[in-house]
Amino acid sequence: MESSAATEIFAALAQPTRLAAFRLILRHEPHGLPAGEVARRLEVPQNTLSTHLAILARAGLVSAERQGRTILYRPEIDRVRQIASYLVSDCCGGRPELCAPLVDEFTPCCTPSPEPSCAC
């Protein structure tokens, strides 16, 4: 990933409502979440949320799929992987044992759980 793409992602996530929307949508993968439900849960007007979701979509973090009158948002998991890899690509100076705690922190995100136990 180029630094310009990473900067665009960081800029998209640097606003509290967008970060909250992205995290909420991420928690509902693989089914996604309708835009109206995201707005309701975050207590944000739908037109305001629409602008935020467009910014997340331009950064490649979410995709939208129309289902009748509803627009369903899903996270772009590959993009999440890319930005996470970009952040840790120089981690640990070639000593993988130093990265073990980081790997352990992501592991709970990959196992079904009623409440995520990590930052994912």
PDB file of N, CA and C in Angstrom:
ATOM      1  N   MET A   1       0.848  -1.176   0.000  1.00  0.00           N
ATOM      2  CA  MET A   1       0.000   0.000   0.000  1.00  0.00           C
ATOM      3  C   MET A   1       0.891   1.236   0.000  1.00  0.00           C
ATOM      4  N   GLU A   2       0.531   2.190  -0.825  1.00  0.00           N
ATOM      5  CA  GLU A   2       1.284   3.437  -0.871  1.00  0.00           C
ATOM      6  C   GLU A   2       0.870   4.333   0.290  1.00  0.00           C
ATOM      7  N   SER A   3       1.778   5.203   0.679  1.00  0.00           N
ATOM      8  CA  SER A   3       1.483   6.077   1.822  1.00  0.00           C
ATOM      9  C   SER A   3       0.314   7.010   1.531  1.00  0.00           C
ATOM     10  N   SER A   4       0.091   7.393   0.271  1.00  0.00           N
ATOM     11  CA  SER A   4      -1.041   8.269  -0.046  1.00  0.00           C
ATOM     12  C   SER A   4      -2.371   7.550   0.204  1.00  0.00           C
ATOM     13  N   ALA A   5      -2.442   6.272  -0.103  1.00  0.00           N
ATOM     14  CA  ALA A   5      -3.658   5.494   0.165  1.00  0.00           C
ATOM     15  C   ALA A   5      -3.864   5.347   1.671  1.00  0.00           C
ATOM     16  N   ALA A   6      -2.789   5.093   2.399  1.00  0.00           N
ATOM     17  CA  ALA A   6      -2.881   4.975   3.852  1.00  0.00           C
ATOM     18  C   ALA A   6      -3.348   6.292   4.462  1.00  0.00           C
ATOM     19  N   THR A   7      -2.827   7.397   3.964  1.00  0.00           N
ATOM     20  CA  THR A   7      -3.218   8.712   4.467  1.00  0.00           C
ATOM     21  C   THR A   7      -4.702   8.963   4.228  1.00  0.00           C
ATOM     22  N   GLU A   8      -5.215   8.557   3.081  1.00  0.00           N
ATOM     23  CA  GLU A   8      -6.643   8.725   2.787  1.00  0.00           C
ATOM     24  C   GLU A   8      -7.489   7.905   3.772  1.00  0.00           C
ATOM     25  N   ILE A   9      -7.049   6.700   4.080  1.00  0.00           N
ATOM     26  CA  ILE A   9      -7.777   5.863   5.032  1.00  0.00           C
ATOM     27  C   ILE A   9      -7.748   6.496   6.417  1.00  0.00           C
ATOM     28  N   PHE A  10      -6.567   6.935   6.838  1.00  0.00           N
ATOM     29  CA  PHE A  10      -6.458   7.561   8.163  1.00  0.00           C
ATOM     30  C   PHE A  10      -7.314   8.818   8.248  1.00  0.00           C
ATOM     31  N   ALA A  11      -7.346   9.600   7.168  1.00  0.00           N
ATOM     32  CA  ALA A  11      -8.170  10.820   7.153  1.00  0.00           C
ATOM     33  C   ALA A  11      -9.648  10.463   7.262  1.00  0.00           C
ATOM     34  N   ALA A  12     -10.061   9.402   6.582  1.00  0.00           N
ATOM     35  CA  ALA A  12     -11.458   8.982   6.648  1.00  0.00           C
ATOM     36  C   ALA A  12     -11.839   8.545   8.054  1.00  0.00           C
ATOM     37  N   LEU A  13     -10.926   7.911   8.755  1.00  0.00           N
ATOM     38  CA  LEU A  13     -11.204   7.402  10.099  1.00  0.00           C
ATOM     39  C   LEU A  13     -10.918   8.428  11.200  1.00  0.00           C
ATOM     40  N   ALA A  14     -10.394   9.587  10.830  1.00  0.00           N
ATOM     41  CA  ALA A  14      -9.978  10.584  11.814  1.00  0.00           C
ATOM     42  C   ALA A  14     -11.126  11.439  12.329  1.00  0.00           C
ATOM     43  N   GLN A  15     -12.341  11.110  11.964  1.00  0.00           N
ATOM     44  CA  GLN A  15     -13.507  11.854  12.412  1.00  0.00           C
ATOM     45  C   GLN A  15     -14.342  10.896  13.275  1.00  0.00           C
ATOM     46  N   PRO A  16     -14.764  11.317  14.452  1.00  0.00           N
ATOM     47  CA  PRO A  16     -15.426  10.401  15.396  1.00  0.00           C
ATOM     48  C   PRO A  16     -16.654   9.663  14.852  1.00  0.00           C
ATOM     49  N   THR A  17     -17.521  10.349  14.126  1.00  0.00           N
ATOM     50  CA  THR A  17     -18.724   9.684  13.607  1.00  0.00           C
ATOM     51  C   THR A  17     -18.351   8.643  12.563  1.00  0.00           C
ATOM     52  N   ARG A  18     -17.404   8.967  11.689  1.00  0.00           N
ATOM     53  CA  ARG A  18     -16.981   7.993  10.673  1.00  0.00           C
ATOM     54  C   ARG A  18     -16.325   6.788  11.315  1.00  0.00           C
ATOM     55  N   LEU A  19     -15.487   7.026  12.308  1.00  0.00           N
ATOM     56  CA  LEU A  19     -14.840   5.907  12.990  1.00  0.00           C
ATOM     57  C   LEU A  19     -15.891   5.023  13.657  1.00  0.00           C
ATOM     58  N   ALA A  20     -16.855   5.620  14.325  1.00  0.00           N
ATOM     59  CA  ALA A  20     -17.916   4.847  14.977  1.00  0.00           C
ATOM     60  C   ALA A  20     -18.746   4.074  13.952  1.00  0.00           C
ATOM     61  N   ALA A  21     -19.063   4.708  12.830  1.00  0.00           N
ATOM     62  CA  ALA A  21     -19.836   4.035  11.778  1.00  0.00           C
ATOM     63  C   ALA A  21     -19.055   2.863  11.210  1.00  0.00           C
ATOM     64  N   PHE A  22     -17.780   3.073  10.944  1.00  0.00           N
ATOM     65  CA  PHE A  22     -16.962   1.997  10.387  1.00  0.00           C
ATOM     66  C   PHE A  22     -16.882   0.825  11.359  1.00  0.00           C
ATOM     67  N   ARG A  23     -16.636   1.104  12.617  1.00  0.00           N
ATOM     68  CA  ARG A  23     -16.545   0.023  13.613  1.00  0.00           C
ATOM     69  C   ARG A  23     -17.869  -0.720  13.750  1.00  0.00           C
ATOM     70  N   LEU A  24     -18.977   0.005  13.696  1.00  0.00           N
ATOM     71  CA  LEU A  24     -20.290  -0.617  13.769  1.00  0.00           C
ATOM     72  C   LEU A  24     -20.530  -1.527  12.561  1.00  0.00           C
ATOM     73  N   ILE A  25     -20.219  -1.032  11.383  1.00  0.00           N
ATOM     74  CA  ILE A  25     -20.385  -1.827  10.165  1.00  0.00           C
ATOM     75  C   ILE A  25     -19.468  -3.051  10.204  1.00  0.00           C
ATOM     76  N   LEU A  26     -18.274  -2.872  10.690  1.00  0.00           N
ATOM     77  CA  LEU A  26     -17.313  -3.971  10.794  1.00  0.00           C
ATOM     78  C   LEU A  26     -17.848  -5.083  11.702  1.00  0.00           C
ATOM     79  N   ARG A  27     -18.524  -4.706  12.774  1.00  0.00           N
ATOM     80  CA  ARG A  27     -19.077  -5.708  13.693  1.00  0.00           C
ATOM     81  C   ARG A  27     -20.193  -6.526  13.043  1.00  0.00           C
ATOM     82  N   HIS A  28     -20.777  -6.037  11.960  1.00  0.00           N
ATOM     83  CA  HIS A  28     -21.897  -6.723  11.325  1.00  0.00           C
ATOM     84  C   HIS A  28     -21.505  -7.451  10.039  1.00  0.00           C
ATOM     85  N   GLU A  29     -20.243  -7.671   9.845  1.00  0.00           N
ATOM     86  CA  GLU A  29     -19.775  -8.484   8.729  1.00  0.00           C
ATOM     87  C   GLU A  29     -20.099  -9.937   9.056  1.00  0.00           C
ATOM     88  N   PRO A  30     -20.574 -10.758   8.196  1.00  0.00           N
ATOM     89  CA  PRO A  30     -20.654 -10.622   6.743  1.00  0.00           C
ATOM     90  C   PRO A  30     -21.997 -10.102   6.239  1.00  0.00           C
ATOM     91  N   HIS A  31     -22.964  -9.879   7.129  1.00  0.00           N
ATOM     92  CA  HIS A  31     -24.308  -9.520   6.686  1.00  0.00           C
ATOM     93  C   HIS A  31     -24.450  -8.056   6.301  1.00  0.00           C
ATOM     94  N   GLY A  32     -23.609  -7.203   6.849  1.00  0.00           N
ATOM     95  CA  GLY A  32     -23.722  -5.784   6.575  1.00  0.00           C
ATOM     96  C   GLY A  32     -24.800  -5.148   7.427  1.00  0.00           C
ATOM     97  N   LEU A  33     -24.965  -3.855   7.235  1.00  0.00           N
ATOM     98  CA  LEU A  33     -25.927  -3.097   8.033  1.00  0.00           C
ATOM     99  C   LEU A  33     -26.542  -2.014   7.149  1.00  0.00           C
ATOM    100  N   PRO A  34     -27.863  -1.874   7.179  1.00  0.00           N
ATOM    101  CA  PRO A  34     -28.506  -0.815   6.387  1.00  0.00           C
ATOM    102  C   PRO A  34     -28.093   0.567   6.893  1.00  0.00           C
ATOM    103  N   ALA A  35     -27.990   1.497   5.978  1.00  0.00           N
ATOM    104  CA  ALA A  35     -27.583   2.869   6.321  1.00  0.00           C
ATOM    105  C   ALA A  35     -28.496   3.462   7.380  1.00  0.00           C
ATOM    106  N   GLY A  36     -29.800   3.244   7.264  1.00  0.00           N
ATOM    107  CA  GLY A  36     -30.738   3.790   8.240  1.00  0.00           C
ATOM    108  C   GLY A  36     -30.504   3.240   9.636  1.00  0.00           C
ATOM    109  N   GLU A  37     -30.116   1.984   9.713  1.00  0.00           N
ATOM    110  CA  GLU A  37     -29.833   1.374  11.014  1.00  0.00           C
ATOM    111  C   GLU A  37     -28.547   1.943  11.613  1.00  0.00           C
ATOM    112  N   VAL A  38     -27.555   2.197  10.767  1.00  0.00           N
ATOM    113  CA  VAL A  38     -26.319   2.825  11.243  1.00  0.00           C
ATOM    114  C   VAL A  38     -26.652   4.202  11.808  1.00  0.00           C
ATOM    115  N   ALA A  39     -27.445   4.971  11.079  1.00  0.00           N
ATOM    116  CA  ALA A  39     -27.834   6.312  11.537  1.00  0.00           C
ATOM    117  C   ALA A  39     -28.588   6.239  12.864  1.00  0.00           C
ATOM    118  N   ARG A  40     -29.528   5.298  12.971  1.00  0.00           N
ATOM    119  CA  ARG A  40     -30.316   5.163  14.197  1.00  0.00           C
ATOM    120  C   ARG A  40     -29.434   4.812  15.389  1.00  0.00           C
ATOM    121  N   ARG A  41     -28.549   3.835  15.200  1.00  0.00           N
ATOM    122  CA  ARG A  41     -27.708   3.395  16.316  1.00  0.00           C
ATOM    123  C   ARG A  41     -26.712   4.462  16.758  1.00  0.00           C
ATOM    124  N   LEU A  42     -26.250   5.254  15.809  1.00  0.00           N
ATOM    125  CA  LEU A  42     -25.288   6.301  16.159  1.00  0.00           C
ATOM    126  C   LEU A  42     -25.970   7.618  16.501  1.00  0.00           C
ATOM    127  N   GLU A  43     -27.289   7.655  16.351  1.00  0.00           N
ATOM    128  CA  GLU A  43     -28.069   8.859  16.614  1.00  0.00           C
ATOM    129  C   GLU A  43     -27.560  10.044  15.802  1.00  0.00           C
ATOM    130  N   VAL A  44     -27.419   9.786  14.490  1.00  0.00           N
ATOM    131  CA  VAL A  44     -26.928  10.782  13.545  1.00  0.00           C
ATOM    132  C   VAL A  44     -28.000  10.946  12.461  1.00  0.00           C
ATOM    133  N   PRO A  45     -28.308  12.170  12.041  1.00  0.00           N
ATOM    134  CA  PRO A  45     -29.260  12.345  10.939  1.00  0.00           C
ATOM    135  C   PRO A  45     -28.793  11.574   9.699  1.00  0.00           C
ATOM    136  N   GLN A  46     -29.759  11.001   8.975  1.00  0.00           N
ATOM    137  CA  GLN A  46     -29.397  10.168   7.830  1.00  0.00           C
ATOM    138  C   GLN A  46     -28.623  10.927   6.763  1.00  0.00           C
ATOM    139  N   ASN A  47     -28.968  12.189   6.511  1.00  0.00           N
ATOM    140  CA  ASN A  47     -28.235  12.931   5.479  1.00  0.00           C
ATOM    141  C   ASN A  47     -26.792  13.198   5.910  1.00  0.00           C
ATOM    142  N   THR A  48     -26.567  13.415   7.198  1.00  0.00           N
ATOM    143  CA  THR A  48     -25.204  13.597   7.711  1.00  0.00           C
ATOM    144  C   THR A  48     -24.428  12.303   7.586  1.00  0.00           C
ATOM    145  N   LEU A  49     -25.070  11.200   7.970  1.00  0.00           N
ATOM    146  CA  LEU A  49     -24.406   9.896   7.891  1.00  0.00           C
ATOM    147  C   LEU A  49     -24.066   9.552   6.448  1.00  0.00           C
ATOM    148  N   SER A  50     -24.932   9.903   5.535  1.00  0.00           N
ATOM    149  CA  SER A  50     -24.692   9.620   4.118  1.00  0.00           C
ATOM    150  C   SER A  50     -23.365  10.219   3.656  1.00  0.00           C
ATOM    151  N   THR A  51     -23.086  11.429   4.088  1.00  0.00           N
ATOM    152  CA  THR A  51     -21.815  12.076   3.748  1.00  0.00           C
ATOM    153  C   THR A  51     -20.641  11.306   4.338  1.00  0.00           C
ATOM    154  N   HIS A  52     -20.772  10.896   5.585  1.00  0.00           N
ATOM    155  CA  HIS A  52     -19.701  10.133   6.234  1.00  0.00           C
ATOM    156  C   HIS A  52     -19.471   8.792   5.542  1.00  0.00           C
ATOM    157  N   LEU A  53     -20.561   8.109   5.186  1.00  0.00           N
ATOM    158  CA  LEU A  53     -20.418   6.811   4.515  1.00  0.00           C
ATOM    159  C   LEU A  53     -19.782   6.972   3.131  1.00  0.00           C
ATOM    160  N   ALA A  54     -20.073   8.062   2.458  1.00  0.00           N
ATOM    161  CA  ALA A  54     -19.456   8.314   1.152  1.00  0.00           C
ATOM    162  C   ALA A  54     -17.942   8.485   1.296  1.00  0.00           C
ATOM    163  N   ILE A  55     -17.510   9.144   2.343  1.00  0.00           N
ATOM    164  CA  ILE A  55     -16.073   9.325   2.581  1.00  0.00           C
ATOM    165  C   ILE A  55     -15.421   7.982   2.885  1.00  0.00           C
ATOM    166  N   LEU A  56     -16.068   7.160   3.690  1.00  0.00           N
ATOM    167  CA  LEU A  56     -15.529   5.816   3.977  1.00  0.00           C
ATOM    168  C   LEU A  56     -15.476   4.971   2.712  1.00  0.00           C
ATOM    169  N   ALA A  57     -16.482   5.109   1.855  1.00  0.00           N
ATOM    170  CA  ALA A  57     -16.500   4.352   0.601  1.00  0.00           C
ATOM    171  C   ALA A  57     -15.379   4.812  -0.334  1.00  0.00           C
ATOM    172  N   ARG A  58     -15.150   6.129  -0.427  1.00  0.00           N
ATOM    173  CA  ARG A  58     -14.066   6.637  -1.286  1.00  0.00           C
ATOM    174  C   ARG A  58     -12.704   6.148  -0.813  1.00  0.00           C
ATOM    175  N   ALA A  59     -12.566   5.958   0.493  1.00  0.00           N
ATOM    176  CA  ALA A  59     -11.303   5.446   1.042  1.00  0.00           C
ATOM    177  C   ALA A  59     -11.199   3.931   0.869  1.00  0.00           C
ATOM    178  N   GLY A  60     -12.257   3.310   0.371  1.00  0.00           N
ATOM    179  CA  GLY A  60     -12.237   1.869   0.136  1.00  0.00           C
ATOM    180  C   GLY A  60     -12.508   1.039   1.377  1.00  0.00           C
ATOM    181  N   LEU A  61     -13.016   1.661   2.428  1.00  0.00           N
ATOM    182  CA  LEU A  61     -13.243   0.941   3.689  1.00  0.00           C
ATOM    183  C   LEU A  61     -14.595   0.249   3.758  1.00  0.00           C
ATOM    184  N   VAL A  62     -15.570   0.758   3.028  1.00  0.00           N
ATOM    185  CA  VAL A  62     -16.894   0.140   3.002  1.00  0.00           C
ATOM    186  C   VAL A  62     -17.392   0.100   1.563  1.00  0.00           C
ATOM    187  N   SER A  63     -18.336  -0.803   1.331  1.00  0.00           N
ATOM    188  CA  SER A  63     -19.010  -0.842   0.036  1.00  0.00           C
ATOM    189  C   SER A  63     -20.508  -0.833   0.293  1.00  0.00           C
ATOM    190  N   ALA A  64     -21.248  -0.342  -0.679  1.00  0.00           N
ATOM    191  CA  ALA A  64     -22.697  -0.227  -0.562  1.00  0.00           C
ATOM    192  C   ALA A  64     -23.360  -1.126  -1.593  1.00  0.00           C
ATOM    193  N   GLU A  65     -24.445  -1.746  -1.170  1.00  0.00           N
ATOM    194  CA  GLU A  65     -25.228  -2.591  -2.067  1.00  0.00           C
ATOM    195  C   GLU A  65     -26.696  -2.247  -1.875  1.00  0.00           C
ATOM    196  N   ARG A  66     -27.336  -1.896  -2.966  1.00  0.00           N
ATOM    197  CA  ARG A  66     -28.759  -1.562  -2.890  1.00  0.00           C
ATOM    198  C   ARG A  66     -29.566  -2.850  -2.867  1.00  0.00           C
ATOM    199  N   GLN A  67     -30.472  -2.936  -1.909  1.00  0.00           N
ATOM    200  CA  GLN A  67     -31.413  -4.047  -1.811  1.00  0.00           C
ATOM    201  C   GLN A  67     -32.803  -3.441  -1.696  1.00  0.00           C
ATOM    202  N   GLY A  68     -33.454  -3.304  -2.839  1.00  0.00           N
ATOM    203  CA  GLY A  68     -34.743  -2.624  -2.868  1.00  0.00           C
ATOM    204  C   GLY A  68     -34.550  -1.155  -2.551  1.00  0.00           C
ATOM    205  N   ARG A  69     -35.212  -0.687  -1.502  1.00  0.00           N
ATOM    206  CA  ARG A  69     -35.087   0.720  -1.098  1.00  0.00           C
ATOM    207  C   ARG A  69     -34.000   0.928  -0.059  1.00  0.00           C
ATOM    208  N   THR A  70     -33.371  -0.148   0.344  1.00  0.00           N
ATOM    209  CA  THR A  70     -32.361  -0.098   1.401  1.00  0.00           C
ATOM    210  C   THR A  70     -30.967  -0.146   0.806  1.00  0.00           C
ATOM    211  N   ILE A  71     -30.054   0.606   1.398  1.00  0.00           N
ATOM    212  CA  ILE A  71     -28.637   0.512   1.022  1.00  0.00           C
ATOM    213  C   ILE A  71     -27.927  -0.161   2.172  1.00  0.00           C
ATOM    214  N   LEU A  72     -27.340  -1.300   1.856  1.00  0.00           N
ATOM    215  CA  LEU A  72     -26.650  -2.111   2.844  1.00  0.00           C
ATOM    216  C   LEU A  72     -25.155  -1.838   2.757  1.00  0.00           C
ATOM    217  N   TYR A  73     -24.533  -1.558   3.887  1.00  0.00           N
ATOM    218  CA  TYR A  73     -23.092  -1.275   3.927  1.00  0.00           C
ATOM    219  C   TYR A  73     -22.347  -2.443   4.545  1.00  0.00           C
ATOM    220  N   ARG A  74     -21.241  -2.784   3.911  1.00  0.00           N
ATOM    221  CA  ARG A  74     -20.365  -3.845   4.397  1.00  0.00           C
ATOM    222  C   ARG A  74     -18.937  -3.316   4.425  1.00  0.00           C
ATOM    223  N   PRO A  75     -18.153  -3.820   5.373  1.00  0.00           N
ATOM    224  CA  PRO A  75     -16.741  -3.416   5.389  1.00  0.00           C
ATOM    225  C   PRO A  75     -15.975  -4.128   4.287  1.00  0.00           C
ATOM    226  N   GLU A  76     -14.962  -3.482   3.787  1.00  0.00           N
ATOM    227  CA  GLU A  76     -14.061  -4.096   2.812  1.00  0.00           C
ATOM    228  C   GLU A  76     -12.910  -4.725   3.605  1.00  0.00           C
ATOM    229  N   ILE A  77     -13.073  -5.989   3.944  1.00  0.00           N
ATOM    230  CA  ILE A  77     -12.131  -6.678   4.820  1.00  0.00           C
ATOM    231  C   ILE A  77     -10.719  -6.692   4.233  1.00  0.00           C
ATOM    232  N   ASP A  78     -10.607  -6.822   2.930  1.00  0.00           N
ATOM    233  CA  ASP A  78      -9.273  -6.820   2.330  1.00  0.00           C
ATOM    234  C   ASP A  78      -8.580  -5.482   2.557  1.00  0.00           C
ATOM    235  N   ARG A  79      -9.332  -4.405   2.501  1.00  0.00           N
ATOM    236  CA  ARG A  79      -8.754  -3.075   2.741  1.00  0.00           C
ATOM    237  C   ARG A  79      -8.325  -2.930   4.201  1.00  0.00           C
ATOM    238  N   VAL A  80      -9.110  -3.500   5.112  1.00  0.00           N
ATOM    239  CA  VAL A  80      -8.750  -3.484   6.530  1.00  0.00           C
ATOM    240  C   VAL A  80      -7.435  -4.251   6.723  1.00  0.00           C
ATOM    241  N   ARG A  81      -7.333  -5.393   6.061  1.00  0.00           N
ATOM    242  CA  ARG A  81      -6.096  -6.170   6.137  1.00  0.00           C
ATOM    243  C   ARG A  81      -4.920  -5.372   5.585  1.00  0.00           C
ATOM    244  N   GLN A  82      -5.132  -4.690   4.483  1.00  0.00           N
ATOM    245  CA  GLN A  82      -4.060  -3.907   3.872  1.00  0.00           C
ATOM    246  C   GLN A  82      -3.562  -2.808   4.806  1.00  0.00           C
ATOM    247  N   ILE A  83      -4.478  -2.091   5.437  1.00  0.00           N
ATOM    248  CA  ILE A  83      -4.040  -0.992   6.301  1.00  0.00           C
ATOM    249  C   ILE A  83      -3.395  -1.528   7.572  1.00  0.00           C
ATOM    250  N   ALA A  84      -3.912  -2.633   8.094  1.00  0.00           N
ATOM    251  CA  ALA A  84      -3.281  -3.236   9.278  1.00  0.00           C
ATOM    252  C   ALA A  84      -1.875  -3.723   8.928  1.00  0.00           C
ATOM    253  N   SER A  85      -1.727  -4.342   7.776  1.00  0.00           N
ATOM    254  CA  SER A  85      -0.407  -4.806   7.335  1.00  0.00           C
ATOM    255  C   SER A  85       0.540  -3.636   7.117  1.00  0.00           C
ATOM    256  N   TYR A  86       0.017  -2.549   6.549  1.00  0.00           N
ATOM    257  CA  TYR A  86       0.833  -1.358   6.334  1.00  0.00           C
ATOM    258  C   TYR A  86       1.367  -0.823   7.657  1.00  0.00           C
ATOM    259  N   LEU A  87       0.506  -0.806   8.669  1.00  0.00           N
ATOM    260  CA  LEU A  87       0.907  -0.278   9.969  1.00  0.00           C
ATOM    261  C   LEU A  87       1.991  -1.103  10.642  1.00  0.00           C
ATOM    262  N   VAL A  88       1.968  -2.403  10.442  1.00  0.00           N
ATOM    263  CA  VAL A  88       2.911  -3.268  11.163  1.00  0.00           C
ATOM    264  C   VAL A  88       3.986  -3.861  10.260  1.00  0.00           C
ATOM    265  N   SER A  89       4.080  -3.395   9.032  1.00  0.00           N
ATOM    266  CA  SER A  89       5.025  -3.999   8.083  1.00  0.00           C
ATOM    267  C   SER A  89       6.478  -3.920   8.545  1.00  0.00           C
ATOM    268  N   ASP A  90       6.822  -2.921   9.312  1.00  0.00           N
ATOM    269  CA  ASP A  90       8.196  -2.791   9.797  1.00  0.00           C
ATOM    270  C   ASP A  90       8.311  -3.166  11.272  1.00  0.00           C
ATOM    271  N   CYS A  91       7.295  -3.820  11.774  1.00  0.00           N
ATOM    272  CA  CYS A  91       7.233  -4.180  13.192  1.00  0.00           C
ATOM    273  C   CYS A  91       8.325  -5.171  13.580  1.00  0.00           C
ATOM    274  N   CYS A  92       8.863  -4.978  14.716  1.00  0.00           N
ATOM    275  CA  CYS A  92       9.691  -5.964  15.399  1.00  0.00           C
ATOM    276  C   CYS A  92      11.088  -6.152  14.810  1.00  0.00           C
ATOM    277  N   GLY A  93      11.464  -5.385  13.834  1.00  0.00           N
ATOM    278  CA  GLY A  93      12.821  -5.452  13.293  1.00  0.00           C
ATOM    279  C   GLY A  93      13.278  -6.851  12.924  1.00  0.00           C
ATOM    280  N   GLY A  94      12.394  -7.650  12.324  1.00  0.00           N
ATOM    281  CA  GLY A  94      12.775  -8.988  11.908  1.00  0.00           C
ATOM    282  C   GLY A  94      12.758 -10.009  13.034  1.00  0.00           C
ATOM    283  N   ARG A  95      12.197  -9.649  14.168  1.00  0.00           N
ATOM    284  CA  ARG A  95      12.116 -10.576  15.309  1.00  0.00           C
ATOM    285  C   ARG A  95      10.638 -10.891  15.569  1.00  0.00           C
ATOM    286  N   PRO A  96      10.116 -11.928  14.913  1.00  0.00           N
ATOM    287  CA  PRO A  96       8.682 -12.230  14.996  1.00  0.00           C
ATOM    288  C   PRO A  96       8.185 -12.499  16.410  1.00  0.00           C
ATOM    289  N   GLU A  97       9.046 -12.957  17.290  1.00  0.00           N
ATOM    290  CA  GLU A  97       8.596 -13.222  18.668  1.00  0.00           C
ATOM    291  C   GLU A  97       8.135 -11.940  19.364  1.00  0.00           C
ATOM    292  N   LEU A  98       8.652 -10.803  18.921  1.00  0.00           N
ATOM    293  CA  LEU A  98       8.221  -9.534  19.503  1.00  0.00           C
ATOM    294  C   LEU A  98       6.812  -9.152  19.060  1.00  0.00           C
ATOM    295  N   CYS A  99       6.382  -9.695  17.923  1.00  0.00           N
ATOM    296  CA  CYS A  99       5.049  -9.381  17.396  1.00  0.00           C
ATOM    297  C   CYS A  99       3.979 -10.327  17.924  1.00  0.00           C
ATOM    298  N   ALA A 100       4.358 -11.348  18.665  1.00  0.00           N
ATOM    299  CA  ALA A 100       3.383 -12.326  19.157  1.00  0.00           C
ATOM    300  C   ALA A 100       2.227 -11.671  19.918  1.00  0.00           C
ATOM    301  N   PRO A 101       2.477 -10.689  20.804  1.00  0.00           N
ATOM    302  CA  PRO A 101       1.338 -10.063  21.496  1.00  0.00           C
ATOM    303  C   PRO A 101       0.367  -9.373  20.529  1.00  0.00           C
ATOM    304  N   LEU A 102       0.881  -8.802  19.462  1.00  0.00           N
ATOM    305  CA  LEU A 102       0.027  -8.156  18.471  1.00  0.00           C
ATOM    306  C   LEU A 102      -0.841  -9.199  17.775  1.00  0.00           C
ATOM    307  N   VAL A 103      -0.245 -10.294  17.381  1.00  0.00           N
ATOM    308  CA  VAL A 103      -0.987 -11.375  16.726  1.00  0.00           C
ATOM    309  C   VAL A 103      -2.045 -11.924  17.678  1.00  0.00           C
ATOM    310  N   ASP A 104      -1.674 -12.110  18.936  1.00  0.00           N
ATOM    311  CA  ASP A 104      -2.624 -12.610  19.930  1.00  0.00           C
ATOM    312  C   ASP A 104      -3.808 -11.667  20.108  1.00  0.00           C
ATOM    313  N   GLU A 105      -3.571 -10.374  20.008  1.00  0.00           N
ATOM    314  CA  GLU A 105      -4.658  -9.410  20.176  1.00  0.00           C
ATOM    315  C   GLU A 105      -5.665  -9.497  19.037  1.00  0.00           C
ATOM    316  N   PHE A 106      -5.211  -9.808  17.828  1.00  0.00           N
ATOM    317  CA  PHE A 106      -6.117  -9.920  16.688  1.00  0.00           C
ATOM    318  C   PHE A 106      -6.846 -11.258  16.645  1.00  0.00           C
ATOM    319  N   THR A 107      -6.300 -12.277  17.242  1.00  0.00           N
ATOM    320  CA  THR A 107      -6.882 -13.611  17.165  1.00  0.00           C
ATOM    321  C   THR A 107      -8.330 -13.666  17.655  1.00  0.00           C
ATOM    322  N   PRO A 108      -8.690 -13.036  18.789  1.00  0.00           N
ATOM    323  CA  PRO A 108     -10.095 -13.106  19.218  1.00  0.00           C
ATOM    324  C   PRO A 108     -11.063 -12.519  18.199  1.00  0.00           C
ATOM    325  N   CYS A 109     -10.594 -11.628  17.344  1.00  0.00           N
ATOM    326  CA  CYS A 109     -11.466 -11.023  16.337  1.00  0.00           C
ATOM    327  C   CYS A 109     -11.928 -12.044  15.313  1.00  0.00           C
ATOM    328  N   CYS A 110     -11.210 -13.109  15.181  1.00  0.00           N
ATOM    329  CA  CYS A 110     -11.489 -14.098  14.156  1.00  0.00           C
ATOM    330  C   CYS A 110     -12.319 -15.266  14.669  1.00  0.00           C
ATOM    331  N   THR A 111     -12.677 -15.269  15.930  1.00  0.00           N
ATOM    332  CA  THR A 111     -13.480 -16.342  16.482  1.00  0.00           C
ATOM    333  C   THR A 111     -14.820 -15.767  16.912  1.00  0.00           C
ATOM    334  N   PRO A 112     -15.914 -16.484  16.631  1.00  0.00           N
ATOM    335  CA  PRO A 112     -17.241 -15.965  16.978  1.00  0.00           C
ATOM    336  C   PRO A 112     -17.349 -15.708  18.469  1.00  0.00           C
ATOM    337  N   SER A 113     -17.920 -14.566  18.797  1.00  0.00           N
ATOM    338  CA  SER A 113     -18.092 -14.176  20.188  1.00  0.00           C
ATOM    339  C   SER A 113     -19.225 -13.165  20.260  1.00  0.00           C
ATOM    340  N   PRO A 114     -20.052 -13.209  21.323  1.00  0.00           N
ATOM    341  CA  PRO A 114     -21.130 -12.230  21.413  1.00  0.00           C
ATOM    342  C   PRO A 114     -20.613 -10.797  21.517  1.00  0.00           C
ATOM    343  N   GLU A 115     -19.508 -10.607  22.200  1.00  0.00           N
ATOM    344  CA  GLU A 115     -18.888  -9.287  22.337  1.00  0.00           C
ATOM    345  C   GLU A 115     -17.436  -9.381  21.937  1.00  0.00           C
ATOM    346  N   PRO A 116     -16.996  -8.614  20.932  1.00  0.00           N
ATOM    347  CA  PRO A 116     -15.579  -8.641  20.573  1.00  0.00           C
ATOM    348  C   PRO A 116     -14.715  -8.263  21.772  1.00  0.00           C
ATOM    349  N   SER A 117     -13.596  -8.984  21.922  1.00  0.00           N
ATOM    350  CA  SER A 117     -12.751  -8.727  23.078  1.00  0.00           C
ATOM    351  C   SER A 117     -11.493  -7.948  22.705  1.00  0.00           C
ATOM    352  N   CYS A 118     -11.432  -7.433  21.501  1.00  0.00           N
ATOM    353  CA  CYS A 118     -10.266  -6.650  21.107  1.00  0.00           C
ATOM    354  C   CYS A 118     -10.711  -5.443  20.307  1.00  0.00           C
ATOM    355  N   ALA A 119      -9.751  -4.719  19.827  1.00  0.00           N
ATOM    356  CA  ALA A 119     -10.030  -3.461  19.125  1.00  0.00           C
ATOM    357  C   ALA A 119     -10.636  -3.654  17.751  1.00  0.00           C
ATOM    358  N   CYS A 120     -10.799  -4.873  17.304  1.00  0.00           N
ATOM    359  CA  CYS A 120     -11.348  -5.095  15.958  1.00  0.00           C
ATOM    360  C   CYS A 120     -12.772  -4.687  15.911  1.00  0.00           C
TER     361      CYS A 120
END
